[in-house]
Amino acid sequence: MLYDETPQEYISEMIKKQTSGRFGTAEDIANIAVWLSSDKSAFCNGELIMADGGLTITDR
């Protein structure tokens, strides 16, 4: 949302911390929502889905 106003050096540092190597997009979140609303997620109950590109599992 603030990508255009954020200094490029900060963006580069944040991307380095992502295991996916990129920022997420609205489409990434929409894909999760579509999956959750489909029968393919029927066996998932009460889960916390971290849609952060792996940021919370790294300590880079």
PDB file of N, CA and C in Angstrom:
ATOM      1  N   MET A   1       0.822  -1.183   0.000  1.00  0.00           N
ATOM      2  CA  MET A   1       0.000   0.000   0.000  1.00  0.00           C
ATOM      3  C   MET A   1       0.870   1.253   0.000  1.00  0.00           C
ATOM      4  N   LEU A   2       1.972   1.218   0.707  1.00  0.00           N
ATOM      5  CA  LEU A   2       2.848   2.386   0.768  1.00  0.00           C
ATOM      6  C   LEU A   2       4.119   2.192  -0.050  1.00  0.00           C
ATOM      7  N   TYR A   3       4.092   1.237  -0.953  1.00  0.00           N
ATOM      8  CA  TYR A   3       5.284   0.869  -1.720  1.00  0.00           C
ATOM      9  C   TYR A   3       5.928   2.074  -2.410  1.00  0.00           C
ATOM     10  N   ASP A   4       5.127   2.915  -3.035  1.00  0.00           N
ATOM     11  CA  ASP A   4       5.678   4.049  -3.794  1.00  0.00           C
ATOM     12  C   ASP A   4       6.348   5.090  -2.899  1.00  0.00           C
ATOM     13  N   GLU A   5       5.904   5.199  -1.654  1.00  0.00           N
ATOM     14  CA  GLU A   5       6.457   6.201  -0.741  1.00  0.00           C
ATOM     15  C   GLU A   5       7.584   5.654   0.133  1.00  0.00           C
ATOM     16  N   THR A   6       7.848   4.352   0.066  1.00  0.00           N
ATOM     17  CA  THR A   6       8.841   3.722   0.931  1.00  0.00           C
ATOM     18  C   THR A   6      10.208   3.762   0.264  1.00  0.00           C
ATOM     19  N   PRO A   7      11.265   4.141   1.019  1.00  0.00           N
ATOM     20  CA  PRO A   7      12.612   4.176   0.435  1.00  0.00           C
ATOM     21  C   PRO A   7      13.030   2.805  -0.101  1.00  0.00           C
ATOM     22  N   GLN A   8      13.672   2.805  -1.256  1.00  0.00           N
ATOM     23  CA  GLN A   8      14.064   1.564  -1.915  1.00  0.00           C
ATOM     24  C   GLN A   8      14.997   0.716  -1.048  1.00  0.00           C
ATOM     25  N   GLU A   9      15.872   1.338  -0.277  1.00  0.00           N
ATOM     26  CA  GLU A   9      16.783   0.550   0.562  1.00  0.00           C
ATOM     27  C   GLU A   9      16.024  -0.230   1.642  1.00  0.00           C
ATOM     28  N   TYR A  10      14.965   0.358   2.177  1.00  0.00           N
ATOM     29  CA  TYR A  10      14.133  -0.347   3.160  1.00  0.00           C
ATOM     30  C   TYR A  10      13.408  -1.518   2.497  1.00  0.00           C
ATOM     31  N   ILE A  11      12.886  -1.287   1.313  1.00  0.00           N
ATOM     32  CA  ILE A  11      12.199  -2.351   0.573  1.00  0.00           C
ATOM     33  C   ILE A  11      13.156  -3.504   0.294  1.00  0.00           C
ATOM     34  N   SER A  12      14.366  -3.189  -0.127  1.00  0.00           N
ATOM     35  CA  SER A  12      15.366  -4.231  -0.411  1.00  0.00           C
ATOM     36  C   SER A  12      15.667  -5.059   0.829  1.00  0.00           C
ATOM     37  N   GLU A  13      15.802  -4.405   1.968  1.00  0.00           N
ATOM     38  CA  GLU A  13      16.072  -5.114   3.224  1.00  0.00           C
ATOM     39  C   GLU A  13      14.898  -6.006   3.621  1.00  0.00           C
ATOM     40  N   MET A  14      13.698  -5.533   3.448  1.00  0.00           N
ATOM     41  CA  MET A  14      12.524  -6.337   3.792  1.00  0.00           C
ATOM     42  C   MET A  14      12.384  -7.545   2.866  1.00  0.00           C
ATOM     43  N   ILE A  15      12.677  -7.371   1.597  1.00  0.00           N
ATOM     44  CA  ILE A  15      12.607  -8.486   0.653  1.00  0.00           C
ATOM     45  C   ILE A  15      13.649  -9.543   1.000  1.00  0.00           C
ATOM     46  N   LYS A  16      14.812  -9.135   1.464  1.00  0.00           N
ATOM     47  CA  LYS A  16      15.846 -10.096   1.878  1.00  0.00           C
ATOM     48  C   LYS A  16      15.359 -10.966   3.031  1.00  0.00           C
ATOM     49  N   LYS A  17      14.472 -10.452   3.854  1.00  0.00           N
ATOM     50  CA  LYS A  17      13.953 -11.200   4.996  1.00  0.00           C
ATOM     51  C   LYS A  17      12.847 -12.173   4.620  1.00  0.00           C
ATOM     52  N   GLN A  18      12.315 -12.049   3.418  1.00  0.00           N
ATOM     53  CA  GLN A  18      11.235 -12.918   2.945  1.00  0.00           C
ATOM     54  C   GLN A  18      11.833 -14.196   2.371  1.00  0.00           C
ATOM     55  N   THR A  19      11.399 -15.348   2.851  1.00  0.00           N
ATOM     56  CA  THR A  19      11.891 -16.590   2.246  1.00  0.00           C
ATOM     57  C   THR A  19      11.403 -16.741   0.813  1.00  0.00           C
ATOM     58  N   SER A  20      10.305 -16.087   0.488  1.00  0.00           N
ATOM     59  CA  SER A  20       9.783 -16.144  -0.882  1.00  0.00           C
ATOM     60  C   SER A  20      10.550 -15.220  -1.823  1.00  0.00           C
ATOM     61  N   GLY A  21      11.315 -14.283  -1.256  1.00  0.00           N
ATOM     62  CA  GLY A  21      12.116 -13.379  -2.079  1.00  0.00           C
ATOM     63  C   GLY A  21      11.326 -12.253  -2.733  1.00  0.00           C
ATOM     64  N   ARG A  22      10.123 -12.008  -2.250  1.00  0.00           N
ATOM     65  CA  ARG A  22       9.297 -10.946  -2.828  1.00  0.00           C
ATOM     66  C   ARG A  22       8.217 -10.550  -1.840  1.00  0.00           C
ATOM     67  N   PHE A  23       7.586  -9.429  -2.087  1.00  0.00           N
ATOM     68  CA  PHE A  23       6.420  -9.030  -1.309  1.00  0.00           C
ATOM     69  C   PHE A  23       5.199  -9.779  -1.832  1.00  0.00           C
ATOM     70  N   GLY A  24       4.235  -9.953  -0.977  1.00  0.00           N
ATOM     71  CA  GLY A  24       2.989 -10.578  -1.391  1.00  0.00           C
ATOM     72  C   GLY A  24       2.135  -9.618  -2.200  1.00  0.00           C
ATOM     73  N   THR A  25       1.221 -10.193  -2.931  1.00  0.00           N
ATOM     74  CA  THR A  25       0.306  -9.399  -3.747  1.00  0.00           C
ATOM     75  C   THR A  25      -1.129  -9.651  -3.291  1.00  0.00           C
ATOM     76  N   ALA A  26      -2.015  -8.834  -3.757  1.00  0.00           N
ATOM     77  CA  ALA A  26      -3.439  -9.050  -3.486  1.00  0.00           C
ATOM     78  C   ALA A  26      -3.875 -10.402  -4.037  1.00  0.00           C
ATOM     79  N   GLU A  27      -3.305 -10.804  -5.145  1.00  0.00           N
ATOM     80  CA  GLU A  27      -3.645 -12.101  -5.741  1.00  0.00           C
ATOM     81  C   GLU A  27      -3.216 -13.252  -4.826  1.00  0.00           C
ATOM     82  N   ASP A  28      -2.076 -13.113  -4.142  1.00  0.00           N
ATOM     83  CA  ASP A  28      -1.635 -14.145  -3.196  1.00  0.00           C
ATOM     84  C   ASP A  28      -2.681 -14.348  -2.102  1.00  0.00           C
ATOM     85  N   ILE A  29      -3.190 -13.259  -1.559  1.00  0.00           N
ATOM     86  CA  ILE A  29      -4.194 -13.336  -0.499  1.00  0.00           C
ATOM     87  C   ILE A  29      -5.514 -13.862  -1.061  1.00  0.00           C
ATOM     88  N   ALA A  30      -5.880 -13.411  -2.248  1.00  0.00           N
ATOM     89  CA  ALA A  30      -7.114 -13.888  -2.878  1.00  0.00           C
ATOM     90  C   ALA A  30      -7.055 -15.394  -3.119  1.00  0.00           C
ATOM     91  N   ASN A  31      -5.902 -15.912  -3.514  1.00  0.00           N
ATOM     92  CA  ASN A  31      -5.760 -17.357  -3.742  1.00  0.00           C
ATOM     93  C   ASN A  31      -6.002 -18.139  -2.452  1.00  0.00           C
ATOM     94  N   ILE A  32      -5.534 -17.615  -1.328  1.00  0.00           N
ATOM     95  CA  ILE A  32      -5.786 -18.272  -0.038  1.00  0.00           C
ATOM     96  C   ILE A  32      -7.274 -18.247   0.275  1.00  0.00           C
ATOM     97  N   ALA A  33      -7.913 -17.108   0.061  1.00  0.00           N
ATOM     98  CA  ALA A  33      -9.347 -16.991   0.326  1.00  0.00           C
ATOM     99  C   ALA A  33     -10.155 -17.945  -0.550  1.00  0.00           C
ATOM    100  N   VAL A  34      -9.772 -18.073  -1.807  1.00  0.00           N
ATOM    101  CA  VAL A  34     -10.471 -18.992  -2.714  1.00  0.00           C
ATOM    102  C   VAL A  34     -10.290 -20.425  -2.234  1.00  0.00           C
ATOM    103  N   TRP A  35      -9.074 -20.784  -1.849  1.00  0.00           N
ATOM    104  CA  TRP A  35      -8.820 -22.138  -1.357  1.00  0.00           C
ATOM    105  C   TRP A  35      -9.634 -22.415  -0.093  1.00  0.00           C
ATOM    106  N   LEU A  36      -9.635 -21.442   0.830  1.00  0.00           N
ATOM    107  CA  LEU A  36     -10.383 -21.623   2.078  1.00  0.00           C
ATOM    108  C   LEU A  36     -11.881 -21.791   1.841  1.00  0.00           C
ATOM    109  N   SER A  37     -12.397 -21.163   0.811  1.00  0.00           N
ATOM    110  CA  SER A  37     -13.827 -21.263   0.533  1.00  0.00           C
ATOM    111  C   SER A  37     -14.166 -22.449  -0.360  1.00  0.00           C
ATOM    112  N   SER A  38     -13.158 -23.227  -0.717  1.00  0.00           N
ATOM    113  CA  SER A  38     -13.395 -24.386  -1.573  1.00  0.00           C
ATOM    114  C   SER A  38     -13.490 -25.665  -0.747  1.00  0.00           C
ATOM    115  N   ASP A  39     -13.946 -26.725  -1.379  1.00  0.00           N
ATOM    116  CA  ASP A  39     -14.009 -28.035  -0.731  1.00  0.00           C
ATOM    117  C   ASP A  39     -12.618 -28.591  -0.430  1.00  0.00           C
ATOM    118  N   LYS A  40     -11.601 -28.079  -1.098  1.00  0.00           N
ATOM    119  CA  LYS A  40     -10.238 -28.583  -0.879  1.00  0.00           C
ATOM    120  C   LYS A  40      -9.704 -28.257   0.511  1.00  0.00           C
ATOM    121  N   SER A  41     -10.310 -27.301   1.187  1.00  0.00           N
ATOM    122  CA  SER A  41      -9.872 -26.963   2.544  1.00  0.00           C
ATOM    123  C   SER A  41     -10.820 -27.521   3.608  1.00  0.00           C
ATOM    124  N   ALA A  42     -11.689 -28.427   3.216  1.00  0.00           N
ATOM    125  CA  ALA A  42     -12.738 -28.919   4.107  1.00  0.00           C
ATOM    126  C   ALA A  42     -12.206 -29.570   5.375  1.00  0.00           C
ATOM    127  N   PHE A  43     -11.010 -30.114   5.371  1.00  0.00           N
ATOM    128  CA  PHE A  43     -10.474 -30.809   6.540  1.00  0.00           C
ATOM    129  C   PHE A  43      -9.691 -29.875   7.458  1.00  0.00           C
ATOM    130  N   CYS A  44      -9.553 -28.614   7.090  1.00  0.00           N
ATOM    131  CA  CYS A  44      -8.869 -27.626   7.926  1.00  0.00           C
ATOM    132  C   CYS A  44      -9.874 -26.982   8.868  1.00  0.00           C
ATOM    133  N   ASN A  45      -9.517 -26.947  10.133  1.00  0.00           N
ATOM    134  CA  ASN A  45     -10.394 -26.361  11.140  1.00  0.00           C
ATOM    135  C   ASN A  45      -9.581 -25.512  12.101  1.00  0.00           C
ATOM    136  N   GLY A  46      -9.982 -24.272  12.314  1.00  0.00           N
ATOM    137  CA  GLY A  46      -9.357 -23.421  13.314  1.00  0.00           C
ATOM    138  C   GLY A  46      -7.881 -23.157  13.093  1.00  0.00           C
ATOM    139  N   GLU A  47      -7.467 -23.070  11.877  1.00  0.00           N
ATOM    140  CA  GLU A  47      -6.052 -22.844  11.574  1.00  0.00           C
ATOM    141  C   GLU A  47      -5.735 -21.360  11.461  1.00  0.00           C
ATOM    142  N   LEU A  48      -4.518 -21.013  11.808  1.00  0.00           N
ATOM    143  CA  LEU A  48      -3.998 -19.669  11.587  1.00  0.00           C
ATOM    144  C   LEU A  48      -3.088 -19.752  10.376  1.00  0.00           C
ATOM    145  N   ILE A  49      -3.431 -19.070   9.323  1.00  0.00           N
ATOM    146  CA  ILE A  49      -2.648 -19.109   8.091  1.00  0.00           C
ATOM    147  C   ILE A  49      -1.827 -17.828   8.010  1.00  0.00           C
ATOM    148  N   MET A  50      -0.528 -17.975   8.092  1.00  0.00           N
ATOM    149  CA  MET A  50       0.373 -16.834   8.008  1.00  0.00           C
ATOM    150  C   MET A  50       0.697 -16.574   6.532  1.00  0.00           C
ATOM    151  N   ALA A  51       0.085 -15.575   5.984  1.00  0.00           N
ATOM    152  CA  ALA A  51       0.306 -15.216   4.586  1.00  0.00           C
ATOM    153  C   ALA A  51       1.311 -14.081   4.541  1.00  0.00           C
ATOM    154  N   ASP A  52       2.563 -14.414   4.884  1.00  0.00           N
ATOM    155  CA  ASP A  52       3.595 -13.370   4.992  1.00  0.00           C
ATOM    156  C   ASP A  52       4.864 -13.708   4.225  1.00  0.00           C
ATOM    157  N   GLY A  53       4.796 -14.660   3.314  1.00  0.00           N
ATOM    158  CA  GLY A  53       5.962 -15.002   2.510  1.00  0.00           C
ATOM    159  C   GLY A  53       7.091 -15.621   3.294  1.00  0.00           C
ATOM    160  N   GLY A  54       6.805 -16.101   4.485  1.00  0.00           N
ATOM    161  CA  GLY A  54       7.835 -16.721   5.312  1.00  0.00           C
ATOM    162  C   GLY A  54       8.545 -15.773   6.258  1.00  0.00           C
ATOM    163  N   LEU A  55       8.096 -14.527   6.347  1.00  0.00           N
ATOM    164  CA  LEU A  55       8.754 -13.540   7.186  1.00  0.00           C
ATOM    165  C   LEU A  55       8.817 -13.969   8.645  1.00  0.00           C
ATOM    166  N   THR A  56       7.766 -14.579   9.163  1.00  0.00           N
ATOM    167  CA  THR A  56       7.736 -14.929  10.587  1.00  0.00           C
ATOM    168  C   THR A  56       8.554 -16.169  10.922  1.00  0.00           C
ATOM    169  N   ILE A  57       9.056 -16.907   9.929  1.00  0.00           N
ATOM    170  CA  ILE A  57       9.863 -18.078  10.232  1.00  0.00           C
ATOM    171  C   ILE A  57      11.353 -17.840  10.047  1.00  0.00           C
ATOM    172  N   THR A  58      11.719 -16.627   9.734  1.00  0.00           N
ATOM    173  CA  THR A  58      13.132 -16.327   9.516  1.00  0.00           C
ATOM    174  C   THR A  58      13.673 -15.429  10.607  1.00  0.00           C
ATOM    175  N   ASP A  59      14.958 -15.481  10.783  1.00  0.00           N
ATOM    176  CA  ASP A  59      15.608 -14.545  11.701  1.00  0.00           C
ATOM    177  C   ASP A  59      16.785 -13.880  10.997  1.00  0.00           C
ATOM    178  N   ARG A  60      16.609 -13.649   9.711  1.00  0.00           N
ATOM    179  CA  ARG A  60      17.666 -13.009   8.918  1.00  0.00           C
ATOM    180  C   ARG A  60      17.847 -11.582   9.329  1.00  0.00           C
TER     181      ARG A  60
END
